[in-house]
Amino acid sequence: VVDGAPVRLGVASCVVGGMTVMLVGMGLVFALIGFVGVIFA
């Protein structure tokens, strides 16, 4: 890497991090809905 480049996280990293958190949350909600449906069935 170029010496002197910023060490902090960039905006793109924060956006991608937020998207992965939303993806995990959405997947867990779908899984929970599926498990609840199986239990009630």
Full PDB file with SEQRES, HELIX, SHEET, SSBOND, CRYST1, ORIGX, SCALE, CONECT and MASTER records, all heavy atoms in Angstrom:
SEQRES   1 A   41  VAL VAL ASP GLY ALA PRO VAL ARG LEU GLY VAL ALA SER          
SEQRES   2 A   41  CYS VAL VAL GLY GLY MET THR VAL MET LEU VAL GLY MET          
SEQRES   3 A   41  GLY LEU VAL PHE ALA LEU ILE GLY PHE VAL GLY VAL ILE          
SEQRES   4 A   41  PHE ALA                                                      
HELIX    1 AA1 VAL A   11  PHE A   40  1                                  30    
CRYST1    1.000    1.000    1.000  90.00  90.00  90.00 P 1           1          
ORIGX1      1.000000  0.000000  0.000000        0.00000                         
ORIGX2      0.000000  1.000000  0.000000        0.00000                         
ORIGX3      0.000000  0.000000  1.000000        0.00000                         
SCALE1      1.000000  0.000000  0.000000        0.00000                         
SCALE2      0.000000  1.000000  0.000000        0.00000                         
SCALE3      0.000000  0.000000  1.000000        0.00000                         
ATOM      1  N   VAL A   1       0.857  -1.185   0.000  1.00  0.00           N  
ATOM      2  CA  VAL A   1       0.000   0.000   0.000  1.00  0.00           C  
ATOM      3  C   VAL A   1       0.892   1.234   0.000  1.00  0.00           C  
ATOM      4  O   VAL A   1       2.042   1.192   0.448  1.00  0.00           O  
ATOM      5  CB  VAL A   1      -0.960   0.038   1.212  1.00  0.00           C  
ATOM      6  CG1 VAL A   1      -1.938  -1.121   1.159  1.00  0.00           C  
ATOM      7  CG2 VAL A   1      -0.220   0.044   2.503  1.00  0.00           C  
ATOM      8  N   VAL A   2       0.357   2.339  -0.490  1.00  0.00           N  
ATOM      9  CA  VAL A   2       1.102   3.589  -0.506  1.00  0.00           C  
ATOM     10  C   VAL A   2       1.274   4.060   0.933  1.00  0.00           C  
ATOM     11  O   VAL A   2       0.304   4.119   1.696  1.00  0.00           O  
ATOM     12  CB  VAL A   2       0.385   4.652  -1.350  1.00  0.00           C  
ATOM     13  CG1 VAL A   2       1.086   5.993  -1.262  1.00  0.00           C  
ATOM     14  CG2 VAL A   2       0.284   4.196  -2.800  1.00  0.00           C  
ATOM     15  N   ASP A   3       2.496   4.353   1.325  1.00  0.00           N  
ATOM     16  CA  ASP A   3       2.753   4.833   2.683  1.00  0.00           C  
ATOM     17  C   ASP A   3       2.083   6.189   2.862  1.00  0.00           C  
ATOM     18  O   ASP A   3       2.131   7.039   1.989  1.00  0.00           O  
ATOM     19  CB  ASP A   3       4.258   4.957   2.920  1.00  0.00           C  
ATOM     20  CG  ASP A   3       4.594   5.204   4.375  1.00  0.00           C  
ATOM     21  OD1 ASP A   3       3.797   4.803   5.243  1.00  0.00           O  
ATOM     22  OD2 ASP A   3       5.655   5.791   4.635  1.00  0.00           O  
ATOM     23  N   GLY A   4       1.452   6.364   3.993  1.00  0.00           N  
ATOM     24  CA  GLY A   4       0.755   7.616   4.260  1.00  0.00           C  
ATOM     25  C   GLY A   4      -0.713   7.565   3.898  1.00  0.00           C  
ATOM     26  O   GLY A   4      -1.423   8.554   4.065  1.00  0.00           O  
ATOM     27  N   ALA A   5      -1.184   6.409   3.399  1.00  0.00           N  
ATOM     28  CA  ALA A   5      -2.613   6.274   3.106  1.00  0.00           C  
ATOM     29  C   ALA A   5      -3.381   6.286   4.423  1.00  0.00           C  
ATOM     30  O   ALA A   5      -2.845   5.906   5.459  1.00  0.00           O  
ATOM     31  CB  ALA A   5      -2.870   4.971   2.349  1.00  0.00           C  
ATOM     32  N   PRO A   6      -4.615   6.728   4.418  1.00  0.00           N  
ATOM     33  CA  PRO A   6      -5.383   6.792   5.667  1.00  0.00           C  
ATOM     34  C   PRO A   6      -5.630   5.399   6.239  1.00  0.00           C  
ATOM     35  O   PRO A   6      -5.910   4.460   5.507  1.00  0.00           O  
ATOM     36  CB  PRO A   6      -6.694   7.456   5.260  1.00  0.00           C  
ATOM     37  CG  PRO A   6      -6.781   7.282   3.799  1.00  0.00           C  
ATOM     38  CD  PRO A   6      -5.378   7.190   3.277  1.00  0.00           C  
ATOM     39  N   VAL A   7      -5.539   5.277   7.556  1.00  0.00           N  
ATOM     40  CA  VAL A   7      -5.742   4.006   8.243  1.00  0.00           C  
ATOM     41  C   VAL A   7      -7.215   3.808   8.589  1.00  0.00           C  
ATOM     42  O   VAL A   7      -7.670   2.707   8.808  1.00  0.00           O  
ATOM     43  CB  VAL A   7      -4.870   3.941   9.525  1.00  0.00           C  
ATOM     44  CG1 VAL A   7      -5.070   2.643  10.257  1.00  0.00           C  
ATOM     45  CG2 VAL A   7      -3.410   4.126   9.180  1.00  0.00           C  
ATOM     46  N   ARG A   8      -7.985   4.867   8.587  1.00  0.00           N  
ATOM     47  CA  ARG A   8      -9.389   4.784   8.999  1.00  0.00           C  
ATOM     48  C   ARG A   8     -10.226   4.048   7.955  1.00  0.00           C  
ATOM     49  O   ARG A   8      -9.831   3.881   6.812  1.00  0.00           O  
ATOM     50  CB  ARG A   8      -9.947   6.177   9.229  1.00  0.00           C  
ATOM     51  CG  ARG A   8     -10.061   6.981   7.947  1.00  0.00           C  
ATOM     52  CD  ARG A   8     -10.429   8.422   8.216  1.00  0.00           C  
ATOM     53  NE  ARG A   8     -10.755   9.127   7.018  1.00  0.00           N  
ATOM     54  CZ  ARG A   8      -9.913   9.514   6.088  1.00  0.00           C  
ATOM     55  NH1 ARG A   8      -8.636   9.234   6.224  1.00  0.00           N  
ATOM     56  NH2 ARG A   8     -10.313  10.175   5.028  1.00  0.00           N  
ATOM     57  N   LEU A   9     -11.390   3.639   8.380  1.00  0.00           N  
ATOM     58  CA  LEU A   9     -12.324   2.987   7.466  1.00  0.00           C  
ATOM     59  C   LEU A   9     -12.965   4.022   6.552  1.00  0.00           C  
ATOM     60  O   LEU A   9     -13.323   5.099   6.988  1.00  0.00           O  
ATOM     61  CB  LEU A   9     -13.419   2.274   8.249  1.00  0.00           C  
ATOM     62  CG  LEU A   9     -13.008   1.029   9.013  1.00  0.00           C  
ATOM     63  CD1 LEU A   9     -14.187   0.529   9.831  1.00  0.00           C  
ATOM     64  CD2 LEU A   9     -12.524  -0.039   8.080  1.00  0.00           C  
ATOM     65  N   GLY A  10     -13.133   3.678   5.321  1.00  0.00           N  
ATOM     66  CA  GLY A  10     -13.761   4.584   4.379  1.00  0.00           C  
ATOM     67  C   GLY A  10     -15.268   4.435   4.381  1.00  0.00           C  
ATOM     68  O   GLY A  10     -15.836   3.538   5.006  1.00  0.00           O  
ATOM     69  N   VAL A  11     -15.918   5.305   3.658  1.00  0.00           N  
ATOM     70  CA  VAL A  11     -17.371   5.278   3.548  1.00  0.00           C  
ATOM     71  C   VAL A  11     -17.814   3.972   2.907  1.00  0.00           C  
ATOM     72  O   VAL A  11     -18.792   3.350   3.347  1.00  0.00           O  
ATOM     73  CB  VAL A  11     -17.871   6.494   2.739  1.00  0.00           C  
ATOM     74  CG1 VAL A  11     -19.354   6.393   2.457  1.00  0.00           C  
ATOM     75  CG2 VAL A  11     -17.543   7.776   3.473  1.00  0.00           C  
ATOM     76  N   ALA A  12     -17.105   3.532   1.889  1.00  0.00           N  
ATOM     77  CA  ALA A  12     -17.486   2.296   1.204  1.00  0.00           C  
ATOM     78  C   ALA A  12     -17.437   1.107   2.159  1.00  0.00           C  
ATOM     79  O   ALA A  12     -18.323   0.247   2.124  1.00  0.00           O  
ATOM     80  CB  ALA A  12     -16.568   2.053   0.017  1.00  0.00           C  
ATOM     81  N   SER A  13     -16.437   1.060   3.021  1.00  0.00           N  
ATOM     82  CA  SER A  13     -16.342  -0.034   3.990  1.00  0.00           C  
ATOM     83  C   SER A  13     -17.523  -0.010   4.946  1.00  0.00           C  
ATOM     84  O   SER A  13     -18.076  -1.055   5.297  1.00  0.00           O  
ATOM     85  CB  SER A  13     -15.048   0.067   4.792  1.00  0.00           C  
ATOM     86  OG  SER A  13     -13.941  -0.044   3.956  1.00  0.00           O  
ATOM     87  N   CYS A  14     -17.921   1.163   5.376  1.00  0.00           N  
ATOM     88  CA  CYS A  14     -19.076   1.269   6.279  1.00  0.00           C  
ATOM     89  C   CYS A  14     -20.361   0.853   5.582  1.00  0.00           C  
ATOM     90  O   CYS A  14     -21.207   0.176   6.174  1.00  0.00           O  
ATOM     91  CB  CYS A  14     -19.187   2.689   6.818  1.00  0.00           C  
ATOM     92  SG  CYS A  14     -17.838   3.136   7.918  1.00  0.00           S  
ATOM     93  N   VAL A  15     -20.528   1.229   4.331  1.00  0.00           N  
ATOM     94  CA  VAL A  15     -21.731   0.854   3.583  1.00  0.00           C  
ATOM     95  C   VAL A  15     -21.777  -0.660   3.395  1.00  0.00           C  
ATOM     96  O   VAL A  15     -22.819  -1.301   3.619  1.00  0.00           O  
ATOM     97  CB  VAL A  15     -21.785   1.583   2.226  1.00  0.00           C  
ATOM     98  CG1 VAL A  15     -22.871   1.009   1.334  1.00  0.00           C  
ATOM     99  CG2 VAL A  15     -21.993   3.069   2.441  1.00  0.00           C  
ATOM    100  N   VAL A  16     -20.654  -1.249   2.995  1.00  0.00           N  
ATOM    101  CA  VAL A  16     -20.618  -2.701   2.802  1.00  0.00           C  
ATOM    102  C   VAL A  16     -20.849  -3.414   4.132  1.00  0.00           C  
ATOM    103  O   VAL A  16     -21.566  -4.417   4.190  1.00  0.00           O  
ATOM    104  CB  VAL A  16     -19.286  -3.135   2.149  1.00  0.00           C  
ATOM    105  CG1 VAL A  16     -19.145  -4.638   2.145  1.00  0.00           C  
ATOM    106  CG2 VAL A  16     -19.190  -2.593   0.739  1.00  0.00           C  
ATOM    107  N   GLY A  17     -20.272  -2.911   5.211  1.00  0.00           N  
ATOM    108  CA  GLY A  17     -20.501  -3.494   6.533  1.00  0.00           C  
ATOM    109  C   GLY A  17     -21.965  -3.433   6.922  1.00  0.00           C  
ATOM    110  O   GLY A  17     -22.527  -4.406   7.428  1.00  0.00           O  
ATOM    111  N   GLY A  18     -22.591  -2.311   6.679  1.00  0.00           N  
ATOM    112  CA  GLY A  18     -24.019  -2.181   6.977  1.00  0.00           C  
ATOM    113  C   GLY A  18     -24.858  -3.128   6.136  1.00  0.00           C  
ATOM    114  O   GLY A  18     -25.830  -3.717   6.633  1.00  0.00           O  
ATOM    115  N   MET A  19     -24.494  -3.282   4.874  1.00  0.00           N  
ATOM    116  CA  MET A  19     -25.237  -4.198   4.011  1.00  0.00           C  
ATOM    117  C   MET A  19     -25.104  -5.641   4.478  1.00  0.00           C  
ATOM    118  O   MET A  19     -26.072  -6.404   4.432  1.00  0.00           O  
ATOM    119  CB  MET A  19     -24.775  -4.045   2.557  1.00  0.00           C  
ATOM    120  CG  MET A  19     -25.225  -2.741   1.932  1.00  0.00           C  
ATOM    121  SD  MET A  19     -24.553  -2.447   0.288  1.00  0.00           S  
ATOM    122  CE  MET A  19     -25.100  -3.861  -0.601  1.00  0.00           C  
ATOM    123  N   THR A  20     -23.920  -6.035   4.934  1.00  0.00           N  
ATOM    124  CA  THR A  20     -23.755  -7.407   5.415  1.00  0.00           C  
ATOM    125  C   THR A  20     -24.549  -7.635   6.699  1.00  0.00           C  
ATOM    126  O   THR A  20     -25.118  -8.705   6.882  1.00  0.00           O  
ATOM    127  CB  THR A  20     -22.274  -7.772   5.632  1.00  0.00           C  
ATOM    128  OG1 THR A  20     -21.686  -6.859   6.560  1.00  0.00           O  
ATOM    129  CG2 THR A  20     -21.498  -7.761   4.342  1.00  0.00           C  
ATOM    130  N   VAL A  21     -24.590  -6.636   7.575  1.00  0.00           N  
ATOM    131  CA  VAL A  21     -25.393  -6.762   8.793  1.00  0.00           C  
ATOM    132  C   VAL A  21     -26.872  -6.909   8.424  1.00  0.00           C  
ATOM    133  O   VAL A  21     -27.585  -7.752   8.993  1.00  0.00           O  
ATOM    134  CB  VAL A  21     -25.159  -5.552   9.730  1.00  0.00           C  
ATOM    135  CG1 VAL A  21     -26.184  -5.517  10.848  1.00  0.00           C  
ATOM    136  CG2 VAL A  21     -23.754  -5.594  10.298  1.00  0.00           C  
ATOM    137  N   MET A  22     -27.346  -6.122   7.467  1.00  0.00           N  
ATOM    138  CA  MET A  22     -28.747  -6.238   7.027  1.00  0.00           C  
ATOM    139  C   MET A  22     -29.006  -7.602   6.400  1.00  0.00           C  
ATOM    140  O   MET A  22     -30.060  -8.208   6.622  1.00  0.00           O  
ATOM    141  CB  MET A  22     -29.088  -5.126   6.032  1.00  0.00           C  
ATOM    142  CG  MET A  22     -29.266  -3.786   6.678  1.00  0.00           C  
ATOM    143  SD  MET A  22     -29.690  -2.397   5.594  1.00  0.00           S  
ATOM    144  CE  MET A  22     -30.187  -3.082   4.079  1.00  0.00           C  
ATOM    145  N   LEU A  23     -28.053  -8.112   5.631  1.00  0.00           N  
ATOM    146  CA  LEU A  23     -28.199  -9.417   4.995  1.00  0.00           C  
ATOM    147  C   LEU A  23     -28.302 -10.523   6.040  1.00  0.00           C  
ATOM    148  O   LEU A  23     -29.156 -11.403   5.946  1.00  0.00           O  
ATOM    149  CB  LEU A  23     -27.016  -9.662   4.057  1.00  0.00           C  
ATOM    150  CG  LEU A  23     -27.097 -10.829   3.102  1.00  0.00           C  
ATOM    151  CD1 LEU A  23     -28.252 -10.617   2.127  1.00  0.00           C  
ATOM    152  CD2 LEU A  23     -25.806 -10.967   2.339  1.00  0.00           C  
ATOM    153  N   VAL A  24     -27.439 -10.454   7.059  1.00  0.00           N  
ATOM    154  CA  VAL A  24     -27.494 -11.441   8.134  1.00  0.00           C  
ATOM    155  C   VAL A  24     -28.827 -11.344   8.869  1.00  0.00           C  
ATOM    156  O   VAL A  24     -29.483 -12.360   9.131  1.00  0.00           O  
ATOM    157  CB  VAL A  24     -26.311 -11.261   9.119  1.00  0.00           C  
ATOM    158  CG1 VAL A  24     -26.502 -12.106  10.359  1.00  0.00           C  
ATOM    159  CG2 VAL A  24     -24.991 -11.599   8.441  1.00  0.00           C  
ATOM    160  N   GLY A  25     -29.251 -10.141   9.198  1.00  0.00           N  
ATOM    161  CA  GLY A  25     -30.526  -9.958   9.893  1.00  0.00           C  
ATOM    162  C   GLY A  25     -31.693 -10.475   9.077  1.00  0.00           C  
ATOM    163  O   GLY A  25     -32.577 -11.175   9.603  1.00  0.00           O  
ATOM    164  N   MET A  26     -31.712 -10.157   7.798  1.00  0.00           N  
ATOM    165  CA  MET A  26     -32.793 -10.619   6.930  1.00  0.00           C  
ATOM    166  C   MET A  26     -32.791 -12.151   6.847  1.00  0.00           C  
ATOM    167  O   MET A  26     -33.848 -12.789   6.927  1.00  0.00           O  
ATOM    168  CB  MET A  26     -32.625 -10.016   5.528  1.00  0.00           C  
ATOM    169  CG  MET A  26     -33.745 -10.328   4.576  1.00  0.00           C  
ATOM    170  SD  MET A  26     -33.553  -9.499   2.980  1.00  0.00           S  
ATOM    171  CE  MET A  26     -32.076 -10.277   2.364  1.00  0.00           C  
ATOM    172  N   GLY A  27     -31.625 -12.741   6.724  1.00  0.00           N  
ATOM    173  CA  GLY A  27     -31.536 -14.205   6.669  1.00  0.00           C  
ATOM    174  C   GLY A  27     -32.023 -14.849   7.944  1.00  0.00           C  
ATOM    175  O   GLY A  27     -32.747 -15.859   7.919  1.00  0.00           O  
ATOM    176  N   LEU A  28     -31.663 -14.268   9.092  1.00  0.00           N  
ATOM    177  CA  LEU A  28     -32.125 -14.822  10.368  1.00  0.00           C  
ATOM    178  C   LEU A  28     -33.636 -14.671  10.538  1.00  0.00           C  
ATOM    179  O   LEU A  28     -34.290 -15.563  11.075  1.00  0.00           O  
ATOM    180  CB  LEU A  28     -31.369 -14.177  11.526  1.00  0.00           C  
ATOM    181  CG  LEU A  28     -29.880 -14.526  11.608  1.00  0.00           C  
ATOM    182  CD1 LEU A  28     -29.213 -13.754  12.739  1.00  0.00           C  
ATOM    183  CD2 LEU A  28     -29.671 -16.023  11.778  1.00  0.00           C  
ATOM    184  N   VAL A  29     -34.191 -13.563  10.078  1.00  0.00           N  
ATOM    185  CA  VAL A  29     -35.654 -13.385  10.145  1.00  0.00           C  
ATOM    186  C   VAL A  29     -36.341 -14.430   9.278  1.00  0.00           C  
ATOM    187  O   VAL A  29     -37.319 -15.061   9.704  1.00  0.00           O  
ATOM    188  CB  VAL A  29     -36.052 -11.951   9.730  1.00  0.00           C  
ATOM    189  CG1 VAL A  29     -37.551 -11.850   9.479  1.00  0.00           C  
ATOM    190  CG2 VAL A  29     -35.618 -10.961  10.788  1.00  0.00           C  
ATOM    191  N   PHE A  30     -35.852 -14.648   8.051  1.00  0.00           N  
ATOM    192  CA  PHE A  30     -36.437 -15.671   7.185  1.00  0.00           C  
ATOM    193  C   PHE A  30     -36.337 -17.053   7.820  1.00  0.00           C  
ATOM    194  O   PHE A  30     -37.270 -17.848   7.755  1.00  0.00           O  
ATOM    195  CB  PHE A  30     -35.775 -15.677   5.802  1.00  0.00           C  
ATOM    196  CG  PHE A  30     -36.157 -14.529   4.925  1.00  0.00           C  
ATOM    197  CD1 PHE A  30     -35.324 -14.134   3.892  1.00  0.00           C  
ATOM    198  CD2 PHE A  30     -37.344 -13.843   5.102  1.00  0.00           C  
ATOM    199  CE1 PHE A  30     -35.664 -13.082   3.061  1.00  0.00           C  
ATOM    200  CE2 PHE A  30     -37.706 -12.784   4.286  1.00  0.00           C  
ATOM    201  CZ  PHE A  30     -36.856 -12.405   3.259  1.00  0.00           C  
ATOM    202  N   ALA A  31     -35.174 -17.340   8.426  1.00  0.00           N  
ATOM    203  CA  ALA A  31     -34.999 -18.640   9.083  1.00  0.00           C  
ATOM    204  C   ALA A  31     -35.971 -18.788  10.245  1.00  0.00           C  
ATOM    205  O   ALA A  31     -36.580 -19.852  10.426  1.00  0.00           O  
ATOM    206  CB  ALA A  31     -33.558 -18.793   9.566  1.00  0.00           C  
ATOM    207  N   LEU A  32     -36.139 -17.742  11.020  1.00  0.00           N  
ATOM    208  CA  LEU A  32     -37.069 -17.790  12.150  1.00  0.00           C  
ATOM    209  C   LEU A  32     -38.503 -18.008  11.674  1.00  0.00           C  
ATOM    210  O   LEU A  32     -39.239 -18.824  12.233  1.00  0.00           O  
ATOM    211  CB  LEU A  32     -36.976 -16.494  12.969  1.00  0.00           C  
ATOM    212  CG  LEU A  32     -37.875 -16.405  14.193  1.00  0.00           C  
ATOM    213  CD1 LEU A  32     -37.472 -17.458  15.203  1.00  0.00           C  
ATOM    214  CD2 LEU A  32     -37.795 -15.024  14.798  1.00  0.00           C  
ATOM    215  N   ILE A  33     -38.897 -17.309  10.630  1.00  0.00           N  
ATOM    216  CA  ILE A  33     -40.238 -17.497  10.068  1.00  0.00           C  
ATOM    217  C   ILE A  33     -40.415 -18.942   9.603  1.00  0.00           C  
ATOM    218  O   ILE A  33     -41.450 -19.573   9.839  1.00  0.00           O  
ATOM    219  CB  ILE A  33     -40.502 -16.496   8.923  1.00  0.00           C  
ATOM    220  CG1 ILE A  33     -40.613 -15.077   9.476  1.00  0.00           C  
ATOM    221  CG2 ILE A  33     -41.754 -16.880   8.137  1.00  0.00           C  
ATOM    222  CD1 ILE A  33     -40.622 -14.002   8.411  1.00  0.00           C  
ATOM    223  N   GLY A  34     -39.395 -19.477   8.977  1.00  0.00           N  
ATOM    224  CA  GLY A  34     -39.459 -20.872   8.509  1.00  0.00           C  
ATOM    225  C   GLY A  34     -39.572 -21.852   9.659  1.00  0.00           C  
ATOM    226  O   GLY A  34     -40.374 -22.795   9.617  1.00  0.00           O  
ATOM    227  N   PHE A  35     -38.791 -21.641  10.717  1.00  0.00           N  
ATOM    228  CA  PHE A  35     -38.843 -22.547  11.875  1.00  0.00           C  
ATOM    229  C   PHE A  35     -40.191 -22.447  12.590  1.00  0.00           C  
ATOM    230  O   PHE A  35     -40.753 -23.450  12.994  1.00  0.00           O  
ATOM    231  CB  PHE A  35     -37.709 -22.257  12.846  1.00  0.00           C  
ATOM    232  CG  PHE A  35     -36.370 -22.732  12.365  1.00  0.00           C  
ATOM    233  CD1 PHE A  35     -35.260 -21.920  12.487  1.00  0.00           C  
ATOM    234  CD2 PHE A  35     -36.210 -23.976  11.789  1.00  0.00           C  
ATOM    235  CE1 PHE A  35     -34.021 -22.346  12.043  1.00  0.00           C  
ATOM    236  CE2 PHE A  35     -34.991 -24.417  11.338  1.00  0.00           C  
ATOM    237  CZ  PHE A  35     -33.883 -23.599  11.459  1.00  0.00           C  
ATOM    238  N   VAL A  36     -40.702 -21.243  12.739  1.00  0.00           N  
ATOM    239  CA  VAL A  36     -42.006 -21.070  13.385  1.00  0.00           C  
ATOM    240  C   VAL A  36     -43.083 -21.747  12.546  1.00  0.00           C  
ATOM    241  O   VAL A  36     -43.984 -22.417  13.076  1.00  0.00           O  
ATOM    242  CB  VAL A  36     -42.313 -19.570  13.612  1.00  0.00           C  
ATOM    243  CG1 VAL A  36     -43.762 -19.355  14.005  1.00  0.00           C  
ATOM    244  CG2 VAL A  36     -41.373 -18.998  14.657  1.00  0.00           C  
ATOM    245  N   GLY A  37     -43.003 -21.621  11.243  1.00  0.00           N  
ATOM    246  CA  GLY A  37     -43.963 -22.281  10.357  1.00  0.00           C  
ATOM    247  C   GLY A  37     -43.900 -23.795  10.489  1.00  0.00           C  
ATOM    248  O   GLY A  37     -44.933 -24.472  10.503  1.00  0.00           O  
ATOM    249  N   VAL A  38     -42.711 -24.346  10.602  1.00  0.00           N  
ATOM    250  CA  VAL A  38     -42.549 -25.797  10.759  1.00  0.00           C  
ATOM    251  C   VAL A  38     -43.129 -26.251  12.091  1.00  0.00           C  
ATOM    252  O   VAL A  38     -43.821 -27.278  12.177  1.00  0.00           O  
ATOM    253  CB  VAL A  38     -41.058 -26.202  10.637  1.00  0.00           C  
ATOM    254  CG1 VAL A  38     -40.846 -27.636  11.095  1.00  0.00           C  
ATOM    255  CG2 VAL A  38     -40.579 -26.014   9.214  1.00  0.00           C  
ATOM    256  N   ILE A  39     -42.891 -25.481  13.146  1.00  0.00           N  
ATOM    257  CA  ILE A  39     -43.411 -25.841  14.472  1.00  0.00           C  
ATOM    258  C   ILE A  39     -44.931 -25.823  14.454  1.00  0.00           C  
ATOM    259  O   ILE A  39     -45.579 -26.755  14.961  1.00  0.00           O  
ATOM    260  CB  ILE A  39     -42.844 -24.892  15.546  1.00  0.00           C  
ATOM    261  CG1 ILE A  39     -41.354 -25.172  15.753  1.00  0.00           C  
ATOM    262  CG2 ILE A  39     -43.610 -25.048  16.866  1.00  0.00           C  
ATOM    263  CD1 ILE A  39     -40.646 -24.166  16.627  1.00  0.00           C  
ATOM    264  N   PHE A  40     -45.536 -24.772  13.926  1.00  0.00           N  
ATOM    265  CA  PHE A  40     -47.002 -24.701  13.888  1.00  0.00           C  
ATOM    266  C   PHE A  40     -47.596 -25.772  12.971  1.00  0.00           C  
ATOM    267  O   PHE A  40     -48.657 -26.306  13.239  1.00  0.00           O  
ATOM    268  CB  PHE A  40     -47.471 -23.318  13.461  1.00  0.00           C  
ATOM    269  CG  PHE A  40     -47.413 -22.310  14.570  1.00  0.00           C  
ATOM    270  CD1 PHE A  40     -46.724 -21.113  14.412  1.00  0.00           C  
ATOM    271  CD2 PHE A  40     -48.039 -22.544  15.781  1.00  0.00           C  
ATOM    272  CE1 PHE A  40     -46.658 -20.178  15.435  1.00  0.00           C  
ATOM    273  CE2 PHE A  40     -47.996 -21.627  16.812  1.00  0.00           C  
ATOM    274  CZ  PHE A  40     -47.289 -20.444  16.637  1.00  0.00           C  
ATOM    275  N   ALA A  41     -46.915 -26.093  11.871  1.00  0.00           N  
ATOM    276  CA  ALA A  41     -47.412 -27.119  10.971  1.00  0.00           C  
ATOM    277  C   ALA A  41     -47.366 -28.494  11.632  1.00  0.00           C  
ATOM    278  O   ALA A  41     -48.242 -29.338  11.395  1.00  0.00           O  
ATOM    279  CB  ALA A  41     -46.610 -27.119   9.679  1.00  0.00           C  
TER     280      ALA A  41                                                      
MASTER        0    0    0    1    0    0    0    6  279    1    0    4          
END                                                                             
